[in-house]
Structures are given as C-alpha cells and as structure tokens.
C-alpha cells in the first residue's frame, strides 16, 4: 500500500458531481480515462470571463483544479517565465506552470483527505480570483495588442452566486477596474 493510499478517503466521481451541485456550478462535460475523471467548466471571474477550468479526480491522490491561463508563450518571452515564477511566490494557494504546448497553466491541488465541496469551491474561487488580480499584467498574453475586446452590454455573468459565496474567504480585492 502506497503512502497515498494510507488512510485515504474514498472519493468517487459521483461525490465530485454532488459537490458541483452544492457549490452551484454546472460542468460542460465529463471525461473518464483509466480510473481518472475530469470535468470542464466555463467560468467568469469579476473581470476575467470565459476561463475554462478543468477539475480532475485521481481517487488515489488528489483533486486538481487547473486552467489554461493564456495562449502559448514562445521562447522569446523569457520575461514571461520569470513573471510566472514571481507569481508562484506571491500566490501561495495556486501555482503557475507551463504545459507541453507552452501554455501557462494555473492550478490548485486538494489532497484526497481534504477534498470536499467547500474545499473544491474555494480552490476554484482562488483560481478565478488570481486570474482577476493578474488580468492587467496578462493582457499582452490574452488579447491581440493587449486590448480587451468589447463585451456586449447585455452580457450576463455566468456564476455570480458562486463568486459571492467565497468572496469573504479570499484576500480583499483591490480596485479591479481594468480598462
């Protein structure tokens, strides 16, 4: 028996799906492969919209929440890699990395022993919060010329109740107005 198995809780995909209901989020789709389940969500932060977040359940290890933070960064962007490393120091509950396709990833991990609906919701909220806080510094990665596209005036946020549920458990939000 591995140390990951010692005293581990039995968390099943049905548990995670129940947690989504409890925290008020609806996945777009679910995939299962070799005992690992994953769910894709499309979420809005206060400023960053349409962030695709994936929740992965490895029942023997952890629940992992991650998002493709930005499109691929090329080799000429060494400053970008330094920025990711700096942000890893500044935001202790999430971590940045670079995927095989050179896209920056933003992730949070929950050990199986600590995984429940509230901890999953808090991990997702932290990812959305960090994406909001770093939106201005990330504009050059996200949009051509660093200019945010104009959104329709009648755009309705996807998950305001979810954001409100965790707002008091996140660091105080600075003025998040991004022009």
Foldseek 3Di string as FASTA:
>chain_A
DDPLQVPFDQDDPVQVVVLCVVLVFDFPDWDDDPQKIKTWGQAAAPPRGRWIWMWIDNRSWWIKIKTQLFAADDPVPPVVVVVQVVVCVVQVQWHWDADPNRGIMIMGIGTRRRDHSVVVLLRVLSVNLVSLVCVQVCLVRHDPVSDDDDDDPPDDGDPPVSNVVCVVVDPPDDPRDDD
